[in-house]
Amino acid sequence: MKTAWDYTTLADAYLSRPDYSDSAIDELVALA
């Protein structure tokens, strides 16, 4: 079964989201 993924209708919500927290990114990188 092949699924067609189309997130076009969600693009505006994604573009309106807040930026990621710098401290959260730093913590993720520290775990790597």
Protein backbone atom coordinates (compact mmCIF):
# COMPACT_ATOMS: atom_id res chain seq x y z
CA MET A 1 0.00 0.00 0.00
CA LYS A 2 1.45 3.34 -1.03
CA THR A 3 0.47 6.41 0.98
CA ALA A 4 0.53 9.93 -0.44
CA TRP A 5 1.68 12.35 2.26
CA ASP A 6 0.45 15.87 1.58
CA TYR A 7 0.96 18.37 4.39
CA THR A 8 0.10 21.42 2.30
CA THR A 9 -2.88 22.32 4.48
CA LEU A 10 -0.67 22.31 7.58
CA ALA A 11 2.08 24.56 6.18
CA ASP A 12 0.64 27.83 7.51
CA ALA A 13 0.41 26.46 11.05
CA TYR A 14 3.99 25.22 10.86
CA LEU A 15 5.27 28.57 9.61
CA SER A 16 3.42 30.35 12.44
CA ARG A 17 4.93 28.21 15.21
CA PRO A 18 7.34 29.81 17.69
CA ASP A 19 11.07 29.29 17.27
CA TYR A 20 12.72 26.46 19.14
CA SER A 21 14.25 27.38 22.49
CA ASP A 22 18.02 27.89 22.27
CA SER A 23 18.47 26.15 25.62
CA ALA A 24 16.42 23.15 24.45
CA ILE A 25 18.61 22.80 21.36
CA ASP A 26 21.74 23.06 23.51
CA GLU A 27 20.45 20.29 25.78
CA LEU A 28 19.69 18.02 22.82
CA VAL A 29 23.16 18.57 21.36
CA ALA A 30 24.73 17.85 24.74
CA LEU A 31 23.00 14.44 24.76
CA ALA A 32 24.43 13.45 21.37
